[in-house]
Amino acid sequence: MLFDVDGTLMDAVSNQREVWRAWARRYGLDADEVYEVALRTRPVETFGQVAGHLDAGECLAALHELEDDDVRSGVYAAFDGAAELLCGLPAGAWALVTSNYEHRVRGRFLRTGLPVPSVIVDAAAVEEGKPSAVPYLRAAALLGAEPEDCLVVEDAPSGVRSGLRAGMTVWGVNAPAPVEGVHRHFGTLREAVPHILAFVAGAHR
């Protein structure tokens, strides 16, 4: 079982929006415009589009500072069903695959009471992020699993493409309509929980 984090297990949309708004204010930029770009691109690409005259390294350091502050003081909520799902999975059978950084994921999970797996593949663990297949293939290898035996749970198009390119089964959650390519779609994580647990139970018979 391989899970995305933000948007899949944890609702962090308002936090991400506020972080980017604070970053934009720091540089005197239009917050709404910056956030719209940030939704579609990686941070370095966002900086290039909205603040090409600024040093990308400085911009990234400022963003990381704001994100770390948010982990310590922001309000986070796990999606309904997340705790039941993760607590119902066999130890060593699941991993997190995120474009964020491990220390932030651990901080968020600690604050929401979600269990943390032994394997977390974060932005620092791979040279190619989603939608490349690399992050999910890395997680499967660390779990000792074959790609075709893995189930990926995602909410975003880039993550769905990543799982599909890795040759895995991909289910989509927390979206009003199916993301292109998913093998199954659930409007909420809660709806998916019994089906995910059944998938895992069948795989471990």
N, C-alpha and C. Protein backbone atom coordinates (compact mmCIF):
# COMPACT_ATOMS: atom_id res chain seq x y z
N MET A 1 0.84 -1.18 0.00
CA MET A 1 0.00 0.00 0.00
C MET A 1 0.88 1.23 0.00
N LEU A 2 0.67 2.11 -0.99
CA LEU A 2 1.48 3.31 -1.11
C LEU A 2 0.56 4.52 -1.15
N PHE A 3 0.76 5.44 -0.21
CA PHE A 3 -0.13 6.58 -0.08
C PHE A 3 0.57 7.90 -0.35
N ASP A 4 -0.08 8.75 -1.13
CA ASP A 4 0.25 10.16 -1.12
C ASP A 4 -0.20 10.72 0.23
N VAL A 5 0.27 11.92 0.59
CA VAL A 5 -0.08 12.49 1.89
C VAL A 5 -1.06 13.66 1.74
N ASP A 6 -0.56 14.80 1.28
CA ASP A 6 -1.39 16.00 1.19
C ASP A 6 -2.50 15.83 0.17
N GLY A 7 -3.73 15.99 0.61
CA GLY A 7 -4.87 15.84 -0.28
C GLY A 7 -5.42 14.44 -0.32
N THR A 8 -4.64 13.46 0.18
CA THR A 8 -5.07 12.07 0.19
C THR A 8 -5.39 11.61 1.60
N LEU A 9 -4.43 11.73 2.50
CA LEU A 9 -4.64 11.36 3.90
C LEU A 9 -4.89 12.56 4.79
N MET A 10 -4.38 13.70 4.37
CA MET A 10 -4.44 14.90 5.21
C MET A 10 -4.90 16.10 4.39
N ASP A 11 -5.77 16.88 5.00
CA ASP A 11 -6.27 18.09 4.35
C ASP A 11 -5.33 19.25 4.68
N ALA A 12 -4.52 19.63 3.71
CA ALA A 12 -3.54 20.69 3.93
C ALA A 12 -3.70 21.84 2.95
N VAL A 13 -4.84 21.89 2.27
CA VAL A 13 -5.05 22.92 1.24
C VAL A 13 -4.97 24.32 1.84
N SER A 14 -5.69 24.55 2.93
CA SER A 14 -5.70 25.89 3.52
C SER A 14 -4.32 26.26 4.04
N ASN A 15 -3.57 25.27 4.55
CA ASN A 15 -2.22 25.54 5.03
C ASN A 15 -1.30 25.93 3.88
N GLN A 16 -1.38 25.21 2.78
CA GLN A 16 -0.54 25.50 1.63
C GLN A 16 -0.87 26.88 1.05
N ARG A 17 -2.16 27.18 1.02
CA ARG A 17 -2.57 28.49 0.50
C ARG A 17 -2.01 29.61 1.37
N GLU A 18 -2.08 29.44 2.70
CA GLU A 18 -1.61 30.50 3.59
C GLU A 18 -0.08 30.64 3.54
N VAL A 19 0.63 29.52 3.42
CA VAL A 19 2.09 29.57 3.30
C VAL A 19 2.48 30.36 2.06
N TRP A 20 1.84 30.05 0.94
CA TRP A 20 2.18 30.75 -0.30
C TRP A 20 1.77 32.22 -0.24
N ARG A 21 0.66 32.52 0.43
CA ARG A 21 0.24 33.91 0.57
C ARG A 21 1.26 34.69 1.41
N ALA A 22 1.74 34.06 2.48
CA ALA A 22 2.74 34.71 3.32
C ALA A 22 4.04 34.91 2.55
N TRP A 23 4.40 33.92 1.74
CA TRP A 23 5.61 34.04 0.93
C TRP A 23 5.47 35.19 -0.06
N ALA A 24 4.31 35.28 -0.70
CA ALA A 24 4.08 36.35 -1.68
C ALA A 24 4.14 37.72 -1.02
N ARG A 25 3.53 37.84 0.15
CA ARG A 25 3.55 39.12 0.86
C ARG A 25 4.98 39.53 1.21
N ARG A 26 5.81 38.56 1.54
CA ARG A 26 7.19 38.86 1.90
C ARG A 26 7.92 39.54 0.74
N TYR A 27 7.57 39.19 -0.47
CA TYR A 27 8.26 39.74 -1.64
C TYR A 27 7.41 40.78 -2.39
N GLY A 28 6.31 41.19 -1.79
CA GLY A 28 5.48 42.21 -2.41
C GLY A 28 4.79 41.76 -3.68
N LEU A 29 4.43 40.48 -3.75
CA LEU A 29 3.79 39.93 -4.94
C LEU A 29 2.30 39.71 -4.70
N ASP A 30 1.55 39.57 -5.76
CA ASP A 30 0.12 39.31 -5.67
C ASP A 30 -0.10 37.88 -5.18
N ALA A 31 -0.68 37.73 -3.99
CA ALA A 31 -0.80 36.42 -3.36
C ALA A 31 -1.67 35.46 -4.16
N ASP A 32 -2.78 35.94 -4.70
CA ASP A 32 -3.67 35.07 -5.46
C ASP A 32 -2.99 34.57 -6.74
N GLU A 33 -2.28 35.46 -7.40
CA GLU A 33 -1.58 35.07 -8.63
C GLU A 33 -0.51 34.03 -8.34
N VAL A 34 0.24 34.25 -7.26
CA VAL A 34 1.31 33.31 -6.90
C VAL A 34 0.73 31.94 -6.58
N TYR A 35 -0.36 31.90 -5.82
CA TYR A 35 -0.93 30.61 -5.43
C TYR A 35 -1.46 29.85 -6.64
N GLU A 36 -2.05 30.55 -7.59
CA GLU A 36 -2.56 29.89 -8.79
C GLU A 36 -1.43 29.21 -9.55
N VAL A 37 -0.27 29.86 -9.62
CA VAL A 37 0.88 29.26 -10.29
C VAL A 37 1.41 28.09 -9.46
N ALA A 38 1.48 28.26 -8.14
CA ALA A 38 2.03 27.23 -7.26
C ALA A 38 1.22 25.95 -7.30
N LEU A 39 -0.07 26.05 -7.58
CA LEU A 39 -0.92 24.86 -7.66
C LEU A 39 -0.51 23.96 -8.82
N ARG A 40 0.10 24.54 -9.84
CA ARG A 40 0.38 23.78 -11.06
C ARG A 40 1.85 23.43 -11.25
N THR A 41 2.74 24.00 -10.45
CA THR A 41 4.16 23.80 -10.68
C THR A 41 4.91 23.52 -9.39
N ARG A 42 6.12 23.00 -9.55
CA ARG A 42 7.00 22.82 -8.40
C ARG A 42 7.51 24.19 -7.94
N PRO A 43 7.93 24.31 -6.68
CA PRO A 43 8.34 25.63 -6.16
C PRO A 43 9.35 26.38 -7.01
N VAL A 44 10.40 25.72 -7.45
CA VAL A 44 11.43 26.41 -8.23
C VAL A 44 10.84 26.95 -9.53
N GLU A 45 9.92 26.18 -10.13
CA GLU A 45 9.27 26.65 -11.35
C GLU A 45 8.34 27.82 -11.05
N THR A 46 7.69 27.78 -9.88
CA THR A 46 6.84 28.89 -9.47
C THR A 46 7.66 30.17 -9.33
N PHE A 47 8.80 30.06 -8.67
CA PHE A 47 9.67 31.23 -8.50
C PHE A 47 10.05 31.82 -9.85
N GLY A 48 10.37 30.95 -10.80
CA GLY A 48 10.78 31.42 -12.11
C GLY A 48 9.68 32.19 -12.82
N GLN A 49 8.43 31.77 -12.59
CA GLN A 49 7.31 32.42 -13.28
C GLN A 49 6.87 33.72 -12.61
N VAL A 50 6.87 33.73 -11.28
CA VAL A 50 6.30 34.89 -10.58
C VAL A 50 7.35 35.83 -10.01
N ALA A 51 8.61 35.35 -9.92
CA ALA A 51 9.65 36.18 -9.31
C ALA A 51 11.00 35.87 -9.94
N GLY A 52 11.04 35.93 -11.26
CA GLY A 52 12.26 35.58 -11.97
C GLY A 52 13.43 36.48 -11.65
N HIS A 53 13.17 37.67 -11.11
CA HIS A 53 14.24 38.60 -10.78
C HIS A 53 14.88 38.30 -9.42
N LEU A 54 14.29 37.34 -8.68
CA LEU A 54 14.81 37.01 -7.35
C LEU A 54 15.67 35.75 -7.40
N ASP A 55 16.52 35.59 -6.40
CA ASP A 55 17.37 34.42 -6.31
C ASP A 55 16.52 33.21 -5.90
N ALA A 56 16.55 32.15 -6.71
CA ALA A 56 15.71 30.99 -6.45
C ALA A 56 16.06 30.31 -5.14
N GLY A 57 17.34 30.28 -4.79
CA GLY A 57 17.76 29.66 -3.53
C GLY A 57 17.21 30.40 -2.33
N GLU A 58 17.24 31.72 -2.40
CA GLU A 58 16.69 32.54 -1.31
C GLU A 58 15.18 32.35 -1.21
N CYS A 59 14.52 32.30 -2.36
CA CYS A 59 13.08 32.09 -2.37
C CYS A 59 12.70 30.75 -1.74
N LEU A 60 13.46 29.72 -2.08
CA LEU A 60 13.18 28.39 -1.56
C LEU A 60 13.41 28.33 -0.05
N ALA A 61 14.48 28.97 0.41
CA ALA A 61 14.77 29.00 1.85
C ALA A 61 13.64 29.69 2.61
N ALA A 62 13.13 30.79 2.05
CA ALA A 62 12.03 31.50 2.69
C ALA A 62 10.77 30.64 2.73
N LEU A 63 10.51 29.92 1.64
CA LEU A 63 9.34 29.05 1.60
C LEU A 63 9.47 27.94 2.63
N HIS A 64 10.64 27.33 2.73
CA HIS A 64 10.85 26.26 3.71
C HIS A 64 10.68 26.77 5.13
N GLU A 65 11.14 27.96 5.39
CA GLU A 65 10.98 28.56 6.72
C GLU A 65 9.49 28.70 7.07
N LEU A 66 8.72 29.19 6.13
CA LEU A 66 7.29 29.37 6.34
C LEU A 66 6.58 28.02 6.50
N GLU A 67 6.99 27.04 5.72
CA GLU A 67 6.38 25.71 5.83
C GLU A 67 6.69 25.07 7.17
N ASP A 68 7.92 25.22 7.63
CA ASP A 68 8.28 24.66 8.94
C ASP A 68 7.51 25.35 10.06
N ASP A 69 7.32 26.66 9.95
CA ASP A 69 6.53 27.39 10.94
C ASP A 69 5.09 26.87 10.94
N ASP A 70 4.58 26.57 9.75
CA ASP A 70 3.21 26.09 9.65
C ASP A 70 3.04 24.71 10.29
N VAL A 71 4.05 23.85 10.13
CA VAL A 71 3.99 22.53 10.76
C VAL A 71 3.89 22.66 12.28
N ARG A 72 4.59 23.65 12.82
CA ARG A 72 4.59 23.84 14.28
C ARG A 72 3.32 24.53 14.78
N SER A 73 2.74 25.42 13.98
CA SER A 73 1.64 26.25 14.50
C SER A 73 0.34 26.15 13.72
N GLY A 74 0.37 25.59 12.53
CA GLY A 74 -0.84 25.52 11.71
C GLY A 74 -1.83 24.50 12.24
N VAL A 75 -3.06 24.61 11.75
CA VAL A 75 -4.12 23.68 12.13
C VAL A 75 -4.26 22.64 11.03
N TYR A 76 -4.09 21.36 11.39
CA TYR A 76 -4.17 20.28 10.43
C TYR A 76 -5.28 19.31 10.79
N ALA A 77 -5.83 18.65 9.79
CA ALA A 77 -6.86 17.65 10.03
C ALA A 77 -6.66 16.49 9.06
N ALA A 78 -6.69 15.28 9.61
CA ALA A 78 -6.66 14.09 8.76
C ALA A 78 -8.04 13.91 8.16
N PHE A 79 -8.10 13.40 6.95
CA PHE A 79 -9.39 13.13 6.34
C PHE A 79 -10.11 12.02 7.09
N ASP A 80 -11.41 12.09 7.09
CA ASP A 80 -12.22 11.07 7.74
C ASP A 80 -11.86 9.69 7.18
N GLY A 81 -11.57 8.77 8.08
CA GLY A 81 -11.21 7.42 7.68
C GLY A 81 -9.72 7.15 7.67
N ALA A 82 -8.89 8.20 7.70
CA ALA A 82 -7.44 8.01 7.60
C ALA A 82 -6.89 7.21 8.77
N ALA A 83 -7.30 7.56 9.99
CA ALA A 83 -6.77 6.86 11.16
C ALA A 83 -7.20 5.40 11.16
N GLU A 84 -8.47 5.15 10.89
CA GLU A 84 -8.97 3.77 10.83
C GLU A 84 -8.21 2.96 9.78
N LEU A 85 -8.00 3.56 8.64
CA LEU A 85 -7.31 2.88 7.54
C LEU A 85 -5.88 2.53 7.91
N LEU A 86 -5.11 3.52 8.33
CA LEU A 86 -3.69 3.28 8.59
C LEU A 86 -3.48 2.35 9.78
N CYS A 87 -4.33 2.46 10.78
CA CYS A 87 -4.20 1.56 11.94
C CYS A 87 -4.61 0.13 11.59
N GLY A 88 -5.37 -0.02 10.50
CA GLY A 88 -5.81 -1.35 10.11
C GLY A 88 -4.87 -2.06 9.15
N LEU A 89 -3.78 -1.41 8.78
CA LEU A 89 -2.84 -2.01 7.83
C LEU A 89 -1.73 -2.77 8.56
N PRO A 90 -1.27 -3.88 8.00
CA PRO A 90 -0.16 -4.62 8.61
C PRO A 90 1.11 -3.78 8.63
N ALA A 91 1.84 -3.85 9.72
CA ALA A 91 3.12 -3.13 9.80
C ALA A 91 4.05 -3.62 8.70
N GLY A 92 4.75 -2.71 8.08
CA GLY A 92 5.69 -3.06 7.03
C GLY A 92 5.06 -3.30 5.67
N ALA A 93 3.74 -3.07 5.57
CA ALA A 93 3.06 -3.32 4.30
C ALA A 93 2.67 -2.03 3.59
N TRP A 94 3.01 -0.88 4.19
CA TRP A 94 2.59 0.38 3.56
C TRP A 94 3.66 1.45 3.72
N ALA A 95 3.57 2.45 2.84
CA ALA A 95 4.56 3.53 2.84
C ALA A 95 3.87 4.82 2.41
N LEU A 96 4.54 5.92 2.72
CA LEU A 96 4.09 7.24 2.27
C LEU A 96 5.02 7.71 1.15
N VAL A 97 4.44 8.28 0.11
CA VAL A 97 5.21 8.79 -1.02
C VAL A 97 4.76 10.23 -1.24
N THR A 98 5.62 11.17 -0.89
CA THR A 98 5.22 12.57 -0.84
C THR A 98 6.22 13.48 -1.53
N SER A 99 5.72 14.58 -2.06
CA SER A 99 6.60 15.60 -2.63
C SER A 99 7.07 16.57 -1.56
N ASN A 100 6.59 16.39 -0.33
CA ASN A 100 7.02 17.21 0.79
C ASN A 100 8.28 16.60 1.39
N TYR A 101 8.66 17.06 2.58
CA TYR A 101 9.85 16.54 3.24
C TYR A 101 9.47 15.75 4.49
N GLU A 102 10.26 14.73 4.79
CA GLU A 102 9.90 13.78 5.84
C GLU A 102 9.66 14.44 7.19
N HIS A 103 10.49 15.42 7.57
CA HIS A 103 10.32 16.00 8.90
C HIS A 103 8.99 16.73 9.02
N ARG A 104 8.51 17.30 7.90
CA ARG A 104 7.21 17.96 7.95
C ARG A 104 6.08 16.94 8.02
N VAL A 105 6.22 15.87 7.28
CA VAL A 105 5.21 14.82 7.32
C VAL A 105 5.11 14.23 8.73
N ARG A 106 6.25 13.96 9.33
CA ARG A 106 6.24 13.41 10.69
C ARG A 106 5.61 14.40 11.67
N GLY A 107 5.90 15.68 11.50
CA GLY A 107 5.32 16.69 12.37
C GLY A 107 3.81 16.75 12.24
N ARG A 108 3.33 16.68 11.02
CA ARG A 108 1.88 16.72 10.79
C ARG A 108 1.20 15.47 11.34
N PHE A 109 1.82 14.31 11.12
CA PHE A 109 1.24 13.06 11.61
C PHE A 109 1.22 13.05 13.14
N LEU A 110 2.26 13.56 13.75
CA LEU A 110 2.31 13.62 15.20
C LEU A 110 1.17 14.48 15.73
N ARG A 111 0.90 15.59 15.07
CA ARG A 111 -0.12 16.51 15.53
C ARG A 111 -1.53 15.98 15.31
N THR A 112 -1.71 15.11 14.33
CA THR A 112 -3.04 14.57 14.05
C THR A 112 -3.23 13.17 14.61
N GLY A 113 -2.18 12.58 15.16
CA GLY A 113 -2.30 11.27 15.77
C GLY A 113 -2.26 10.10 14.80
N LEU A 114 -1.89 10.34 13.56
CA LEU A 114 -1.81 9.24 12.59
C LEU A 114 -0.53 8.44 12.81
N PRO A 115 -0.59 7.12 12.62
CA PRO A 115 0.62 6.31 12.73
C PRO A 115 1.58 6.60 11.58
N VAL A 116 2.86 6.47 11.84
CA VAL A 116 3.89 6.74 10.83
C VAL A 116 4.51 5.41 10.40
N PRO A 117 4.60 5.15 9.10
CA PRO A 117 5.18 3.88 8.64
C PRO A 117 6.70 3.90 8.71
N SER A 118 7.30 2.76 8.48
CA SER A 118 8.76 2.66 8.50
C SER A 118 9.37 3.22 7.23
N VAL A 119 8.58 3.33 6.16
CA VAL A 119 9.10 3.82 4.88
C VAL A 119 8.38 5.11 4.48
N ILE A 120 9.15 6.18 4.30
CA ILE A 120 8.64 7.44 3.77
C ILE A 120 9.58 7.87 2.64
N VAL A 121 9.06 7.95 1.45
CA VAL A 121 9.84 8.45 0.32
C VAL A 121 9.43 9.90 0.11
N ASP A 122 10.36 10.82 0.41
CA ASP A 122 10.05 12.25 0.33
C ASP A 122 10.81 12.91 -0.81
N ALA A 123 10.73 14.23 -0.87
CA ALA A 123 11.36 14.97 -1.97
C ALA A 123 12.87 14.81 -1.99
N ALA A 124 13.46 14.57 -0.82
CA ALA A 124 14.91 14.45 -0.74
C ALA A 124 15.41 13.04 -1.08
N ALA A 125 14.48 12.09 -1.17
CA ALA A 125 14.88 10.69 -1.36
C ALA A 125 15.09 10.32 -2.82
N VAL A 126 14.58 11.15 -3.72
CA VAL A 126 14.66 10.84 -5.16
C VAL A 126 15.08 12.08 -5.93
N GLU A 127 15.72 11.85 -7.07
CA GLU A 127 16.11 12.97 -7.92
C GLU A 127 14.98 13.40 -8.84
N GLU A 128 14.06 12.50 -9.11
CA GLU A 128 12.90 12.81 -9.95
C GLU A 128 11.63 12.65 -9.13
N GLY A 129 10.84 13.71 -9.05
CA GLY A 129 9.58 13.64 -8.32
C GLY A 129 8.42 13.25 -9.21
N LYS A 130 7.24 13.16 -8.62
CA LYS A 130 6.03 12.91 -9.40
C LYS A 130 5.90 14.02 -10.46
N PRO A 131 5.50 13.68 -11.69
CA PRO A 131 4.85 12.46 -12.15
C PRO A 131 5.79 11.35 -12.62
N SER A 132 7.08 11.45 -12.35
CA SER A 132 7.99 10.36 -12.67
C SER A 132 7.59 9.12 -11.88
N ALA A 133 7.90 7.96 -12.41
CA ALA A 133 7.62 6.70 -11.70
C ALA A 133 8.57 6.46 -10.54
N VAL A 134 9.66 7.20 -10.50
CA VAL A 134 10.74 6.94 -9.55
C VAL A 134 10.28 6.89 -8.08
N PRO A 135 9.51 7.87 -7.59
CA PRO A 135 9.14 7.82 -6.16
C PRO A 135 8.39 6.55 -5.77
N TYR A 136 7.43 6.14 -6.58
CA TYR A 136 6.67 4.95 -6.23
C TYR A 136 7.48 3.67 -6.41
N LEU A 137 8.33 3.63 -7.40
CA LEU A 137 9.21 2.47 -7.56
C LEU A 137 10.19 2.36 -6.38
N ARG A 138 10.66 3.48 -5.91
CA ARG A 138 11.56 3.50 -4.75
C ARG A 138 10.85 2.96 -3.52
N ALA A 139 9.62 3.39 -3.30
CA ALA A 139 8.87 2.92 -2.14
C ALA A 139 8.62 1.42 -2.21
N ALA A 140 8.25 0.92 -3.39
CA ALA A 140 8.02 -0.52 -3.55
C ALA A 140 9.28 -1.31 -3.25
N ALA A 141 10.41 -0.83 -3.75
CA ALA A 141 11.68 -1.52 -3.51
C ALA A 141 12.01 -1.57 -2.02
N LEU A 142 11.77 -0.48 -1.32
CA LEU A 142 12.06 -0.43 0.11
C LEU A 142 11.15 -1.36 0.91
N LEU A 143 9.95 -1.60 0.40
CA LEU A 143 9.04 -2.54 1.05
C LEU A 143 9.27 -3.97 0.61
N GLY A 144 10.12 -4.15 -0.40
CA GLY A 144 10.35 -5.49 -0.93
C GLY A 144 9.19 -6.01 -1.74
N ALA A 145 8.47 -5.10 -2.40
CA ALA A 145 7.28 -5.49 -3.16
C ALA A 145 7.49 -5.28 -4.65
N GLU A 146 6.82 -6.09 -5.44
CA GLU A 146 6.84 -5.91 -6.88
C GLU A 146 5.83 -4.83 -7.27
N PRO A 147 6.16 -4.00 -8.25
CA PRO A 147 5.23 -2.92 -8.64
C PRO A 147 3.82 -3.40 -8.95
N GLU A 148 3.71 -4.53 -9.63
CA GLU A 148 2.38 -5.00 -10.02
C GLU A 148 1.53 -5.44 -8.82
N ASP A 149 2.16 -5.63 -7.67
CA ASP A 149 1.44 -6.02 -6.46
C ASP A 149 1.04 -4.82 -5.61
N CYS A 150 1.42 -3.62 -6.02
CA CYS A 150 1.20 -2.43 -5.20
C CYS A 150 -0.08 -1.70 -5.58
N LEU A 151 -0.73 -1.15 -4.57
CA LEU A 151 -1.89 -0.28 -4.75
C LEU A 151 -1.50 1.12 -4.32
N VAL A 152 -1.64 2.08 -5.22
CA VAL A 152 -1.35 3.49 -4.95
C VAL A 152 -2.67 4.21 -4.71
N VAL A 153 -2.71 5.06 -3.68
CA VAL A 153 -3.89 5.88 -3.41
C VAL A 153 -3.47 7.33 -3.53
N GLU A 154 -4.10 8.05 -4.44
CA GLU A 154 -3.71 9.41 -4.80
C GLU A 154 -4.93 10.30 -4.99
N ASP A 155 -4.68 11.62 -4.98
CA ASP A 155 -5.75 12.56 -5.26
C ASP A 155 -5.45 13.46 -6.45
N ALA A 156 -4.19 13.54 -6.85
CA ALA A 156 -3.79 14.53 -7.85
C ALA A 156 -3.30 13.88 -9.15
N PRO A 157 -3.48 14.57 -10.29
CA PRO A 157 -3.06 14.01 -11.57
C PRO A 157 -1.58 13.62 -11.63
N SER A 158 -0.69 14.43 -11.07
CA SER A 158 0.74 14.10 -11.15
C SER A 158 1.04 12.82 -10.39
N GLY A 159 0.40 12.63 -9.25
CA GLY A 159 0.61 11.41 -8.47
C GLY A 159 0.02 10.20 -9.14
N VAL A 160 -1.14 10.37 -9.76
CA VAL A 160 -1.76 9.27 -10.50
C VAL A 160 -0.86 8.84 -11.64
N ARG A 161 -0.33 9.79 -12.38
CA ARG A 161 0.57 9.45 -13.49
C ARG A 161 1.82 8.74 -12.97
N SER A 162 2.32 9.17 -11.84
CA SER A 162 3.50 8.54 -11.24
C SER A 162 3.24 7.06 -10.95
N GLY A 163 2.10 6.77 -10.31
CA GLY A 163 1.78 5.38 -10.00
C GLY A 163 1.54 4.54 -11.23
N LEU A 164 0.87 5.11 -12.23
CA LEU A 164 0.62 4.37 -13.46
C LEU A 164 1.91 4.08 -14.19
N ARG A 165 2.80 5.06 -14.24
CA ARG A 165 4.09 4.85 -14.92
C ARG A 165 4.92 3.80 -14.21
N ALA A 166 4.68 3.62 -12.92
CA ALA A 166 5.40 2.60 -12.16
C ALA A 166 4.80 1.21 -12.35
N GLY A 167 3.70 1.12 -13.11
CA GLY A 167 3.07 -0.16 -13.37
C GLY A 167 2.22 -0.67 -12.22
N MET A 168 1.68 0.25 -11.43
CA MET A 168 0.91 -0.11 -10.24
C MET A 168 -0.58 0.13 -10.45
N THR A 169 -1.39 -0.49 -9.59
CA THR A 169 -2.81 -0.20 -9.55
C THR A 169 -2.99 1.13 -8.83
N VAL A 170 -3.79 2.02 -9.38
CA VAL A 170 -3.95 3.36 -8.80
C VAL A 170 -5.43 3.64 -8.56
N TRP A 171 -5.75 3.98 -7.33
CA TRP A 171 -7.11 4.40 -6.98
C TRP A 171 -7.09 5.88 -6.62
N GLY A 172 -8.11 6.59 -7.03
CA GLY A 172 -8.21 8.01 -6.74
C GLY A 172 -9.22 8.30 -5.65
N VAL A 173 -8.92 9.27 -4.81
CA VAL A 173 -9.83 9.67 -3.73
C VAL A 173 -9.91 11.19 -3.63
N ASN A 174 -10.93 11.65 -2.91
CA ASN A 174 -11.07 13.07 -2.56
C ASN A 174 -11.14 13.99 -3.77
N ALA A 175 -11.81 13.55 -4.79
CA ALA A 175 -12.01 14.37 -5.99
C ALA A 175 -13.44 14.17 -6.47
N PRO A 176 -14.09 15.24 -6.95
CA PRO A 176 -15.48 15.09 -7.40
C PRO A 176 -15.62 14.22 -8.64
N ALA A 177 -14.58 14.15 -9.44
CA ALA A 177 -14.61 13.34 -10.66
C ALA A 177 -13.31 12.54 -10.75
N PRO A 178 -13.34 11.39 -11.43
CA PRO A 178 -12.12 10.57 -11.51
C PRO A 178 -10.98 11.31 -12.21
N VAL A 179 -9.79 11.20 -11.63
CA VAL A 179 -8.59 11.68 -12.30
C VAL A 179 -8.29 10.72 -13.45
N GLU A 180 -7.89 11.26 -14.58
CA GLU A 180 -7.65 10.43 -15.76
C GLU A 180 -6.66 9.31 -15.45
N GLY A 181 -7.07 8.09 -15.76
CA GLY A 181 -6.18 6.94 -15.63
C GLY A 181 -6.42 6.07 -14.42
N VAL A 182 -7.12 6.56 -13.41
CA VAL A 182 -7.29 5.75 -12.20
C VAL A 182 -8.09 4.49 -12.50
N HIS A 183 -7.76 3.42 -11.77
CA HIS A 183 -8.48 2.16 -11.96
C HIS A 183 -9.80 2.14 -11.20
N ARG A 184 -9.85 2.88 -10.08
CA ARG A 184 -11.10 3.06 -9.33
C ARG A 184 -11.12 4.47 -8.77
N HIS A 185 -12.34 4.99 -8.62
CA HIS A 185 -12.49 6.35 -8.09
C HIS A 185 -13.44 6.36 -6.91
N PHE A 186 -13.06 7.10 -5.87
CA PHE A 186 -13.91 7.29 -4.70
C PHE A 186 -13.97 8.78 -4.40
N GLY A 187 -15.17 9.28 -4.17
CA GLY A 187 -15.32 10.70 -3.91
C GLY A 187 -14.64 11.16 -2.65
N THR A 188 -14.52 10.25 -1.67
CA THR A 188 -13.84 10.57 -0.40
C THR A 188 -12.96 9.41 0.02
N LEU A 189 -12.02 9.70 0.90
CA LEU A 189 -11.19 8.63 1.45
C LEU A 189 -12.04 7.67 2.26
N ARG A 190 -13.01 8.21 3.00
CA ARG A 190 -13.89 7.36 3.81
C ARG A 190 -14.55 6.27 2.97
N GLU A 191 -15.01 6.63 1.78
CA GLU A 191 -15.65 5.65 0.90
C GLU A 191 -14.67 4.55 0.49
N ALA A 192 -13.40 4.91 0.38
CA ALA A 192 -12.40 3.95 -0.10
C ALA A 192 -11.89 3.01 0.97
N VAL A 193 -12.02 3.37 2.24
CA VAL A 193 -11.39 2.62 3.34
C VAL A 193 -11.70 1.13 3.30
N PRO A 194 -12.97 0.69 3.28
CA PRO A 194 -13.22 -0.75 3.30
C PRO A 194 -12.66 -1.48 2.08
N HIS A 195 -12.64 -0.82 0.95
CA HIS A 195 -12.12 -1.45 -0.26
C HIS A 195 -10.60 -1.59 -0.20
N ILE A 196 -9.93 -0.58 0.37
CA ILE A 196 -8.48 -0.66 0.52
C ILE A 196 -8.11 -1.77 1.49
N LEU A 197 -8.80 -1.84 2.61
CA LEU A 197 -8.51 -2.88 3.60
C LEU A 197 -8.78 -4.26 3.03
N ALA A 198 -9.83 -4.38 2.21
CA ALA A 198 -10.11 -5.66 1.57
C ALA A 198 -9.03 -6.05 0.57
N PHE A 199 -8.53 -5.06 -0.16
CA PHE A 199 -7.43 -5.29 -1.10
C PHE A 199 -6.21 -5.83 -0.37
N VAL A 200 -5.86 -5.18 0.75
CA VAL A 200 -4.70 -5.62 1.52
C VAL A 200 -4.91 -6.99 2.11
N ALA A 201 -6.11 -7.25 2.63
CA ALA A 201 -6.38 -8.57 3.22
C ALA A 201 -6.24 -9.67 2.18
N GLY A 202 -6.70 -9.41 0.97
CA GLY A 202 -6.57 -10.39 -0.10
C GLY A 202 -5.13 -10.62 -0.49
N ALA A 203 -4.33 -9.56 -0.46
CA ALA A 203 -2.92 -9.68 -0.85
C ALA A 203 -2.11 -10.44 0.17
N HIS A 204 -2.59 -10.48 1.43
CA HIS A 204 -1.81 -11.11 2.51
C HIS A 204 -2.36 -12.49 2.91
N ARG A 205 -3.23 -13.04 2.08
CA ARG A 205 -3.72 -14.39 2.35
C ARG A 205 -2.71 -15.43 1.92
